[in-house]
Amino acid sequence: MRSFLLAAFCLASAGLPEAAPDNSAATALAKLASLAGEWEGPFEWTGARTGTGRMNVAYSVTGYGSAVVENLTVGGVPSMMSVYHLDGADLRMTHYCGARNQPRLKARRIDTAAGILDFDFVDITNTRSADDPHVYGVEMRFRDADHFTLTFLFEGAGKKSRERIELGRVAKAAG
């Protein structure tokens, strides 16, 4: 009888669908919070703007866990900052750009299993015209807990560029 029950349970369980990955904004914000610490890596501009260099990025969690702050520096000089937070069921970000404006974006694609997080432009503050240079999208591709790619999609005067930053976690010094 026990063999029959075990076989019946196995057959019944085999037909159940696997649980879908949690692609919620809250899960994505938790992933961003797990970035807390220091990161570094090379960046490359492609498209209408070109250039290369190295960037340091610091992530911190603030607001009792309600927001993640991303500070980007080049050569020790602060260049940009983004703040990620929830707005109801949505994941939002405000990017404080080196172009001296503040695009606001919303997560369009959250795929936790594939390590994909994409943001699309919603609106912007501190700009005079639609042709002013600004970030219109952000892509994040997570390879593992210590490596990911951060790409800013940028446009100005009708010309588009991409700033791709390959980041690796900076190991904490022993002591």
N, C-alpha and C. Protein backbone atom coordinates (compact mmCIF):
# COMPACT_ATOMS: atom_id res chain seq x y z
N MET A 1 0.82 -1.19 0.00
CA MET A 1 0.00 0.00 0.00
C MET A 1 0.86 1.25 0.00
N ARG A 2 1.95 1.26 0.81
CA ARG A 2 2.82 2.43 0.86
C ARG A 2 3.46 2.67 -0.50
N SER A 3 3.83 1.61 -1.19
CA SER A 3 4.43 1.76 -2.51
C SER A 3 3.44 2.38 -3.48
N PHE A 4 2.18 1.97 -3.37
CA PHE A 4 1.14 2.52 -4.24
C PHE A 4 0.96 4.01 -3.98
N LEU A 5 0.90 4.42 -2.69
CA LEU A 5 0.72 5.83 -2.35
C LEU A 5 1.91 6.66 -2.80
N LEU A 6 3.12 6.15 -2.63
CA LEU A 6 4.31 6.86 -3.07
C LEU A 6 4.31 7.03 -4.58
N ALA A 7 3.95 5.98 -5.31
CA ALA A 7 3.89 6.06 -6.77
C ALA A 7 2.82 7.05 -7.20
N ALA A 8 1.65 7.04 -6.55
CA ALA A 8 0.58 7.96 -6.89
C ALA A 8 1.01 9.41 -6.63
N PHE A 9 1.72 9.67 -5.51
CA PHE A 9 2.20 11.02 -5.20
C PHE A 9 3.21 11.49 -6.25
N CYS A 10 4.13 10.62 -6.63
CA CYS A 10 5.14 10.98 -7.63
C CYS A 10 4.49 11.30 -8.97
N LEU A 11 3.50 10.50 -9.38
CA LEU A 11 2.81 10.77 -10.64
C LEU A 11 2.04 12.08 -10.58
N ALA A 12 1.38 12.33 -9.46
CA ALA A 12 0.60 13.57 -9.32
C ALA A 12 1.52 14.78 -9.30
N SER A 13 2.66 14.66 -8.62
CA SER A 13 3.61 15.77 -8.54
C SER A 13 4.26 16.05 -9.88
N ALA A 14 4.44 15.06 -10.70
CA ALA A 14 5.11 15.23 -11.99
C ALA A 14 4.31 16.14 -12.91
N GLY A 15 3.01 16.19 -12.73
CA GLY A 15 2.19 17.01 -13.60
C GLY A 15 2.06 18.46 -13.16
N LEU A 16 2.60 18.80 -11.98
CA LEU A 16 2.48 20.17 -11.49
C LEU A 16 3.47 21.07 -12.21
N PRO A 17 3.05 22.26 -12.58
CA PRO A 17 3.98 23.19 -13.22
C PRO A 17 5.01 23.68 -12.21
N GLU A 18 6.22 23.99 -12.71
CA GLU A 18 7.24 24.54 -11.83
C GLU A 18 6.84 25.95 -11.45
N ALA A 19 7.28 26.37 -10.27
CA ALA A 19 6.98 27.72 -9.82
C ALA A 19 7.67 28.73 -10.74
N ALA A 20 6.93 29.76 -11.12
CA ALA A 20 7.48 30.81 -11.98
C ALA A 20 8.44 31.66 -11.16
N PRO A 21 9.49 32.20 -11.80
CA PRO A 21 10.41 33.06 -11.06
C PRO A 21 9.67 34.33 -10.60
N ASP A 22 10.10 34.86 -9.49
CA ASP A 22 9.49 36.08 -8.95
C ASP A 22 10.12 37.28 -9.67
N ASN A 23 9.38 37.86 -10.59
CA ASN A 23 9.87 39.00 -11.35
C ASN A 23 9.24 40.31 -10.87
N SER A 24 8.95 40.38 -9.58
CA SER A 24 8.31 41.57 -9.04
C SER A 24 9.32 42.69 -8.84
N ALA A 25 8.80 43.89 -8.75
CA ALA A 25 9.64 45.06 -8.50
C ALA A 25 10.33 44.93 -7.14
N ALA A 26 9.64 44.37 -6.15
CA ALA A 26 10.24 44.21 -4.82
C ALA A 26 11.44 43.26 -4.87
N THR A 27 11.34 42.20 -5.65
CA THR A 27 12.47 41.28 -5.81
C THR A 27 13.63 41.97 -6.52
N ALA A 28 13.32 42.78 -7.52
CA ALA A 28 14.37 43.52 -8.23
C ALA A 28 15.05 44.53 -7.31
N LEU A 29 14.27 45.21 -6.46
CA LEU A 29 14.88 46.15 -5.52
C LEU A 29 15.78 45.42 -4.53
N ALA A 30 15.36 44.23 -4.09
CA ALA A 30 16.21 43.42 -3.21
C ALA A 30 17.51 43.04 -3.91
N LYS A 31 17.44 42.73 -5.20
CA LYS A 31 18.65 42.43 -5.97
C LYS A 31 19.57 43.65 -6.00
N LEU A 32 18.99 44.83 -6.23
CA LEU A 32 19.80 46.05 -6.24
C LEU A 32 20.41 46.31 -4.86
N ALA A 33 19.67 46.04 -3.80
CA ALA A 33 20.20 46.21 -2.44
C ALA A 33 21.38 45.29 -2.17
N SER A 34 21.38 44.12 -2.82
CA SER A 34 22.48 43.17 -2.63
C SER A 34 23.79 43.68 -3.25
N LEU A 35 23.71 44.75 -4.03
CA LEU A 35 24.91 45.35 -4.62
C LEU A 35 25.65 46.24 -3.63
N ALA A 36 25.10 46.48 -2.44
CA ALA A 36 25.71 47.39 -1.48
C ALA A 36 27.20 47.11 -1.34
N GLY A 37 27.99 48.17 -1.51
CA GLY A 37 29.43 48.07 -1.44
C GLY A 37 30.10 48.80 -2.59
N GLU A 38 31.36 48.50 -2.79
CA GLU A 38 32.18 49.18 -3.80
C GLU A 38 32.38 48.31 -5.03
N TRP A 39 32.31 48.94 -6.20
CA TRP A 39 32.46 48.27 -7.49
C TRP A 39 33.40 49.10 -8.36
N GLU A 40 34.03 48.46 -9.34
CA GLU A 40 34.88 49.18 -10.28
C GLU A 40 34.95 48.44 -11.60
N GLY A 41 35.33 49.20 -12.63
CA GLY A 41 35.50 48.57 -13.93
C GLY A 41 35.61 49.58 -15.05
N PRO A 42 35.86 49.07 -16.24
CA PRO A 42 36.02 49.95 -17.41
C PRO A 42 34.66 50.38 -17.97
N PHE A 43 34.66 51.57 -18.58
CA PHE A 43 33.47 52.01 -19.31
C PHE A 43 33.87 52.35 -20.73
N GLU A 44 32.89 52.24 -21.62
CA GLU A 44 33.11 52.60 -23.02
C GLU A 44 31.86 53.25 -23.58
N TRP A 45 32.04 54.41 -24.19
CA TRP A 45 30.97 55.09 -24.91
C TRP A 45 31.01 54.63 -26.36
N THR A 46 29.85 54.35 -26.94
CA THR A 46 29.75 54.02 -28.36
C THR A 46 28.57 54.80 -28.95
N GLY A 47 28.56 54.93 -30.26
CA GLY A 47 27.51 55.68 -30.93
C GLY A 47 28.00 57.08 -31.24
N ALA A 48 27.14 58.08 -31.02
CA ALA A 48 27.49 59.46 -31.33
C ALA A 48 28.63 59.97 -30.45
N ARG A 49 28.74 59.44 -29.26
CA ARG A 49 29.81 59.84 -28.34
C ARG A 49 30.74 58.66 -28.17
N THR A 50 32.05 58.89 -28.14
CA THR A 50 33.00 57.80 -27.94
C THR A 50 33.96 58.16 -26.82
N GLY A 51 34.53 57.17 -26.22
CA GLY A 51 35.50 57.37 -25.15
C GLY A 51 35.54 56.15 -24.26
N THR A 52 36.64 56.05 -23.52
CA THR A 52 36.82 54.93 -22.59
C THR A 52 37.44 55.45 -21.31
N GLY A 53 37.40 54.63 -20.29
CA GLY A 53 38.01 54.98 -19.01
C GLY A 53 37.65 53.96 -17.96
N ARG A 54 37.88 54.34 -16.72
CA ARG A 54 37.55 53.48 -15.59
C ARG A 54 36.58 54.23 -14.68
N MET A 55 35.72 53.47 -14.05
CA MET A 55 34.71 54.06 -13.19
C MET A 55 34.65 53.30 -11.87
N ASN A 56 34.38 54.02 -10.81
CA ASN A 56 34.11 53.42 -9.52
C ASN A 56 32.64 53.70 -9.20
N VAL A 57 31.98 52.71 -8.62
CA VAL A 57 30.57 52.84 -8.28
C VAL A 57 30.37 52.34 -6.86
N ALA A 58 29.65 53.11 -6.07
CA ALA A 58 29.31 52.70 -4.71
C ALA A 58 27.80 52.58 -4.61
N TYR A 59 27.35 51.46 -4.06
CA TYR A 59 25.92 51.25 -3.81
C TYR A 59 25.68 51.25 -2.30
N SER A 60 24.59 51.90 -1.90
CA SER A 60 24.20 51.89 -0.49
C SER A 60 22.67 51.83 -0.41
N VAL A 61 22.21 51.31 0.71
CA VAL A 61 20.77 51.19 0.96
C VAL A 61 20.41 52.27 1.98
N THR A 62 19.31 52.97 1.74
CA THR A 62 18.89 54.04 2.63
C THR A 62 17.38 53.97 2.83
N GLY A 63 16.87 54.89 3.63
CA GLY A 63 15.42 54.96 3.86
C GLY A 63 14.87 53.69 4.47
N TYR A 64 15.59 53.11 5.43
CA TYR A 64 15.17 51.85 6.06
C TYR A 64 14.88 50.77 5.03
N GLY A 65 15.73 50.71 4.01
CA GLY A 65 15.61 49.67 3.00
C GLY A 65 14.69 50.01 1.85
N SER A 66 14.17 51.23 1.81
CA SER A 66 13.20 51.58 0.76
C SER A 66 13.85 52.12 -0.51
N ALA A 67 15.16 52.40 -0.47
CA ALA A 67 15.82 52.95 -1.66
C ALA A 67 17.27 52.47 -1.73
N VAL A 68 17.77 52.37 -2.95
CA VAL A 68 19.16 52.03 -3.20
C VAL A 68 19.79 53.20 -3.96
N VAL A 69 20.93 53.68 -3.45
CA VAL A 69 21.63 54.80 -4.05
C VAL A 69 22.86 54.28 -4.78
N GLU A 70 23.04 54.76 -6.00
CA GLU A 70 24.17 54.38 -6.86
C GLU A 70 24.98 55.66 -7.13
N ASN A 71 26.23 55.71 -6.65
CA ASN A 71 27.11 56.85 -6.89
C ASN A 71 28.23 56.43 -7.83
N LEU A 72 28.34 57.15 -8.96
CA LEU A 72 29.37 56.85 -9.96
C LEU A 72 30.42 57.94 -9.95
N THR A 73 31.69 57.54 -9.91
CA THR A 73 32.79 58.49 -9.93
C THR A 73 33.79 58.10 -11.00
N VAL A 74 34.40 59.13 -11.58
CA VAL A 74 35.46 58.93 -12.58
C VAL A 74 36.67 59.72 -12.09
N GLY A 75 37.79 59.03 -11.90
CA GLY A 75 38.99 59.70 -11.42
C GLY A 75 38.80 60.37 -10.07
N GLY A 76 37.95 59.79 -9.23
CA GLY A 76 37.69 60.34 -7.91
C GLY A 76 36.69 61.47 -7.89
N VAL A 77 36.19 61.89 -9.05
CA VAL A 77 35.23 62.99 -9.14
C VAL A 77 33.82 62.43 -9.32
N PRO A 78 32.89 62.79 -8.41
CA PRO A 78 31.51 62.33 -8.57
C PRO A 78 30.95 62.81 -9.92
N SER A 79 30.36 61.87 -10.67
CA SER A 79 29.86 62.24 -12.00
C SER A 79 28.35 62.08 -12.12
N MET A 80 27.79 61.05 -11.51
CA MET A 80 26.36 60.78 -11.63
C MET A 80 25.89 60.05 -10.38
N MET A 81 24.58 60.08 -10.17
CA MET A 81 23.98 59.33 -9.07
C MET A 81 22.59 58.90 -9.52
N SER A 82 22.19 57.70 -9.12
CA SER A 82 20.83 57.23 -9.37
C SER A 82 20.25 56.73 -8.06
N VAL A 83 18.95 56.89 -7.90
CA VAL A 83 18.24 56.37 -6.73
C VAL A 83 17.13 55.47 -7.25
N TYR A 84 17.12 54.22 -6.79
CA TYR A 84 16.13 53.21 -7.16
C TYR A 84 15.16 53.05 -6.01
N HIS A 85 13.86 52.95 -6.30
CA HIS A 85 12.86 52.80 -5.25
C HIS A 85 11.57 52.22 -5.83
N LEU A 86 10.71 51.74 -4.95
CA LEU A 86 9.40 51.23 -5.36
C LEU A 86 8.40 52.38 -5.41
N ASP A 87 7.45 52.26 -6.33
CA ASP A 87 6.30 53.15 -6.41
C ASP A 87 5.11 52.23 -6.64
N GLY A 88 4.51 51.77 -5.54
CA GLY A 88 3.46 50.75 -5.64
C GLY A 88 4.08 49.46 -6.17
N ALA A 89 3.54 48.94 -7.26
CA ALA A 89 4.03 47.70 -7.84
C ALA A 89 5.17 47.94 -8.84
N ASP A 90 5.57 49.20 -9.03
CA ASP A 90 6.61 49.54 -10.02
C ASP A 90 7.95 49.80 -9.36
N LEU A 91 9.02 49.50 -10.09
CA LEU A 91 10.37 49.88 -9.69
C LEU A 91 10.74 51.11 -10.50
N ARG A 92 11.13 52.15 -9.82
CA ARG A 92 11.47 53.42 -10.47
C ARG A 92 12.91 53.79 -10.16
N MET A 93 13.43 54.70 -10.97
CA MET A 93 14.73 55.28 -10.67
C MET A 93 14.73 56.73 -11.12
N THR A 94 15.46 57.55 -10.37
CA THR A 94 15.75 58.92 -10.79
C THR A 94 17.26 58.97 -10.96
N HIS A 95 17.68 59.47 -12.11
CA HIS A 95 19.10 59.55 -12.45
C HIS A 95 19.53 61.01 -12.40
N TYR A 96 20.47 61.32 -11.53
CA TYR A 96 21.02 62.67 -11.42
C TYR A 96 22.25 62.72 -12.31
N CYS A 97 22.06 63.23 -13.51
CA CYS A 97 23.00 63.07 -14.62
C CYS A 97 24.09 64.14 -14.63
N GLY A 98 25.23 63.77 -15.19
CA GLY A 98 26.30 64.72 -15.43
C GLY A 98 25.88 65.81 -16.40
N ALA A 99 24.81 65.57 -17.16
CA ALA A 99 24.26 66.58 -18.07
C ALA A 99 23.41 67.60 -17.31
N ARG A 100 23.37 67.47 -15.97
CA ARG A 100 22.70 68.41 -15.07
C ARG A 100 21.17 68.39 -15.20
N ASN A 101 20.64 67.22 -15.54
CA ASN A 101 19.18 67.05 -15.53
C ASN A 101 18.87 65.76 -14.79
N GLN A 102 17.59 65.48 -14.61
CA GLN A 102 17.18 64.35 -13.79
C GLN A 102 16.11 63.52 -14.50
N PRO A 103 16.52 62.61 -15.38
CA PRO A 103 15.53 61.73 -16.00
C PRO A 103 14.96 60.76 -14.96
N ARG A 104 13.67 60.51 -15.09
CA ARG A 104 13.02 59.52 -14.24
C ARG A 104 12.60 58.36 -15.13
N LEU A 105 12.88 57.16 -14.65
CA LEU A 105 12.66 55.96 -15.44
C LEU A 105 11.87 54.93 -14.64
N LYS A 106 11.28 53.99 -15.36
CA LYS A 106 10.48 52.92 -14.76
C LYS A 106 10.95 51.60 -15.33
N ALA A 107 11.05 50.58 -14.47
CA ALA A 107 11.45 49.24 -14.94
C ALA A 107 10.39 48.71 -15.90
N ARG A 108 10.84 48.41 -17.10
CA ARG A 108 9.97 47.85 -18.14
C ARG A 108 10.08 46.34 -18.15
N ARG A 109 11.28 45.85 -17.91
CA ARG A 109 11.53 44.40 -17.97
C ARG A 109 12.30 43.97 -16.72
N ILE A 110 11.72 43.03 -15.99
CA ILE A 110 12.38 42.41 -14.84
C ILE A 110 12.35 40.92 -15.08
N ASP A 111 13.51 40.33 -15.29
CA ASP A 111 13.63 38.89 -15.49
C ASP A 111 14.73 38.39 -14.57
N THR A 112 14.32 38.00 -13.36
CA THR A 112 15.30 37.62 -12.36
C THR A 112 16.08 36.36 -12.74
N ALA A 113 15.43 35.42 -13.39
CA ALA A 113 16.12 34.17 -13.77
C ALA A 113 17.23 34.45 -14.78
N ALA A 114 17.00 35.36 -15.69
CA ALA A 114 18.00 35.69 -16.72
C ALA A 114 18.95 36.80 -16.28
N GLY A 115 18.69 37.43 -15.13
CA GLY A 115 19.55 38.51 -14.64
C GLY A 115 19.40 39.79 -15.45
N ILE A 116 18.17 40.10 -15.85
CA ILE A 116 17.91 41.27 -16.71
C ILE A 116 17.00 42.26 -15.99
N LEU A 117 17.41 43.52 -16.05
CA LEU A 117 16.62 44.61 -15.52
C LEU A 117 16.77 45.79 -16.47
N ASP A 118 15.67 46.22 -17.10
CA ASP A 118 15.67 47.31 -18.07
C ASP A 118 14.72 48.41 -17.63
N PHE A 119 15.16 49.65 -17.79
CA PHE A 119 14.37 50.83 -17.44
C PHE A 119 14.12 51.67 -18.68
N ASP A 120 12.92 52.24 -18.77
CA ASP A 120 12.55 53.15 -19.86
C ASP A 120 12.25 54.53 -19.31
N PHE A 121 12.50 55.52 -20.13
CA PHE A 121 12.27 56.93 -19.81
C PHE A 121 10.79 57.19 -19.52
N VAL A 122 10.51 57.97 -18.47
CA VAL A 122 9.16 58.41 -18.15
C VAL A 122 9.05 59.91 -18.38
N ASP A 123 9.91 60.66 -17.70
CA ASP A 123 9.94 62.11 -17.87
C ASP A 123 11.26 62.65 -17.33
N ILE A 124 11.41 63.98 -17.34
CA ILE A 124 12.69 64.57 -16.96
C ILE A 124 12.46 65.94 -16.35
N THR A 125 13.35 66.32 -15.43
CA THR A 125 13.33 67.66 -14.86
C THR A 125 14.62 68.39 -15.25
N ASN A 126 14.56 69.71 -15.19
CA ASN A 126 15.70 70.59 -15.45
C ASN A 126 16.25 70.50 -16.86
N THR A 127 15.36 70.54 -17.82
CA THR A 127 15.77 70.56 -19.22
C THR A 127 14.93 71.59 -19.97
N ARG A 128 15.53 72.20 -20.98
CA ARG A 128 14.82 73.23 -21.73
C ARG A 128 14.08 72.68 -22.94
N SER A 129 14.64 71.63 -23.55
CA SER A 129 13.99 71.08 -24.75
C SER A 129 14.23 69.58 -24.82
N ALA A 130 13.45 68.92 -25.67
CA ALA A 130 13.58 67.47 -25.85
C ALA A 130 14.93 67.10 -26.48
N ASP A 131 15.61 68.06 -27.10
CA ASP A 131 16.91 67.80 -27.72
C ASP A 131 18.08 67.91 -26.73
N ASP A 132 17.81 68.38 -25.51
CA ASP A 132 18.89 68.46 -24.52
C ASP A 132 19.43 67.05 -24.25
N PRO A 133 20.73 66.89 -24.05
CA PRO A 133 21.30 65.57 -23.74
C PRO A 133 20.69 64.99 -22.47
N HIS A 134 20.33 63.70 -22.55
CA HIS A 134 19.74 63.04 -21.37
C HIS A 134 19.77 61.52 -21.53
N VAL A 135 19.66 60.84 -20.39
CA VAL A 135 19.53 59.38 -20.35
C VAL A 135 18.07 59.04 -20.67
N TYR A 136 17.87 58.11 -21.60
CA TYR A 136 16.50 57.69 -21.94
C TYR A 136 16.25 56.22 -21.62
N GLY A 137 17.26 55.51 -21.14
CA GLY A 137 17.09 54.11 -20.77
C GLY A 137 18.29 53.61 -20.00
N VAL A 138 18.09 52.55 -19.23
CA VAL A 138 19.16 51.91 -18.48
C VAL A 138 18.96 50.41 -18.59
N GLU A 139 20.05 49.69 -18.82
CA GLU A 139 20.02 48.22 -18.89
C GLU A 139 21.01 47.67 -17.87
N MET A 140 20.59 46.67 -17.12
CA MET A 140 21.46 45.98 -16.17
C MET A 140 21.44 44.49 -16.51
N ARG A 141 22.63 43.90 -16.59
CA ARG A 141 22.77 42.48 -16.87
C ARG A 141 23.67 41.86 -15.80
N PHE A 142 23.07 41.03 -14.96
CA PHE A 142 23.77 40.42 -13.84
C PHE A 142 24.34 39.06 -14.25
N ARG A 143 25.65 38.91 -14.14
CA ARG A 143 26.29 37.62 -14.46
C ARG A 143 26.35 36.72 -13.24
N ASP A 144 26.75 37.29 -12.11
CA ASP A 144 26.81 36.57 -10.84
C ASP A 144 26.81 37.61 -9.73
N ALA A 145 27.02 37.18 -8.49
CA ALA A 145 26.93 38.11 -7.35
C ALA A 145 28.01 39.18 -7.37
N ASP A 146 29.08 38.97 -8.15
CA ASP A 146 30.20 39.90 -8.14
C ASP A 146 30.50 40.57 -9.47
N HIS A 147 29.65 40.37 -10.49
CA HIS A 147 29.89 40.95 -11.82
C HIS A 147 28.58 41.30 -12.50
N PHE A 148 28.50 42.51 -13.04
CA PHE A 148 27.35 42.87 -13.85
C PHE A 148 27.72 44.02 -14.78
N THR A 149 26.87 44.22 -15.78
CA THR A 149 27.05 45.30 -16.75
C THR A 149 25.93 46.31 -16.56
N LEU A 150 26.32 47.57 -16.48
CA LEU A 150 25.39 48.69 -16.35
C LEU A 150 25.55 49.53 -17.61
N THR A 151 24.46 49.73 -18.35
CA THR A 151 24.51 50.48 -19.60
C THR A 151 23.50 51.62 -19.56
N PHE A 152 24.01 52.83 -19.77
CA PHE A 152 23.15 54.01 -19.88
C PHE A 152 22.92 54.31 -21.35
N LEU A 153 21.66 54.47 -21.75
CA LEU A 153 21.29 54.85 -23.11
C LEU A 153 21.08 56.36 -23.09
N PHE A 154 21.81 57.06 -23.95
CA PHE A 154 21.91 58.51 -23.88
C PHE A 154 21.58 59.11 -25.23
N GLU A 155 20.88 60.24 -25.25
CA GLU A 155 20.63 60.94 -26.50
C GLU A 155 20.64 62.44 -26.29
N GLY A 156 21.01 63.13 -27.36
CA GLY A 156 21.00 64.58 -27.36
C GLY A 156 21.08 65.08 -28.79
N ALA A 157 20.32 66.08 -29.11
CA ALA A 157 20.28 66.65 -30.47
C ALA A 157 20.03 65.57 -31.52
N GLY A 158 19.18 64.58 -31.16
CA GLY A 158 18.81 63.54 -32.10
C GLY A 158 19.86 62.45 -32.30
N LYS A 159 20.96 62.49 -31.56
CA LYS A 159 22.02 61.48 -31.69
C LYS A 159 22.04 60.61 -30.44
N LYS A 160 22.21 59.30 -30.68
CA LYS A 160 22.18 58.34 -29.58
C LYS A 160 23.57 57.76 -29.30
N SER A 161 23.80 57.46 -28.02
CA SER A 161 25.04 56.86 -27.56
C SER A 161 24.71 55.85 -26.46
N ARG A 162 25.69 54.99 -26.18
CA ARG A 162 25.58 54.01 -25.10
C ARG A 162 26.83 54.11 -24.24
N GLU A 163 26.64 54.14 -22.92
CA GLU A 163 27.77 54.08 -22.00
C GLU A 163 27.66 52.75 -21.27
N ARG A 164 28.56 51.84 -21.64
CA ARG A 164 28.55 50.49 -21.08
C ARG A 164 29.65 50.39 -20.03
N ILE A 165 29.27 49.97 -18.82
CA ILE A 165 30.20 49.88 -17.70
C ILE A 165 30.22 48.44 -17.22
N GLU A 166 31.38 47.80 -17.30
CA GLU A 166 31.57 46.41 -16.83
C GLU A 166 32.06 46.47 -15.40
N LEU A 167 31.23 46.08 -14.45
CA LEU A 167 31.56 46.24 -13.04
C LEU A 167 31.86 44.92 -12.34
N GLY A 168 32.86 44.99 -11.47
CA GLY A 168 33.21 43.88 -10.60
C GLY A 168 33.26 44.38 -9.16
N ARG A 169 32.81 43.57 -8.25
CA ARG A 169 32.80 43.95 -6.83
C ARG A 169 34.24 44.07 -6.35
N VAL A 170 34.51 45.13 -5.58
CA VAL A 170 35.83 45.33 -4.97
C VAL A 170 35.88 44.50 -3.70
N ALA A 171 36.88 43.63 -3.63
CA ALA A 171 37.02 42.77 -2.44
C ALA A 171 37.38 43.62 -1.24
N LYS A 172 36.77 43.34 -0.10
CA LYS A 172 37.10 44.05 1.14
C LYS A 172 38.45 43.59 1.64
N ALA A 173 39.23 44.54 2.11
CA ALA A 173 40.54 44.21 2.66
C ALA A 173 40.36 43.47 3.99
N ALA A 174 41.20 42.46 4.19
CA ALA A 174 41.15 41.69 5.44
C ALA A 174 41.64 42.58 6.58
N GLY A 175 41.02 42.42 7.72
CA GLY A 175 41.54 43.19 8.86
C GLY A 175 40.50 43.65 9.68
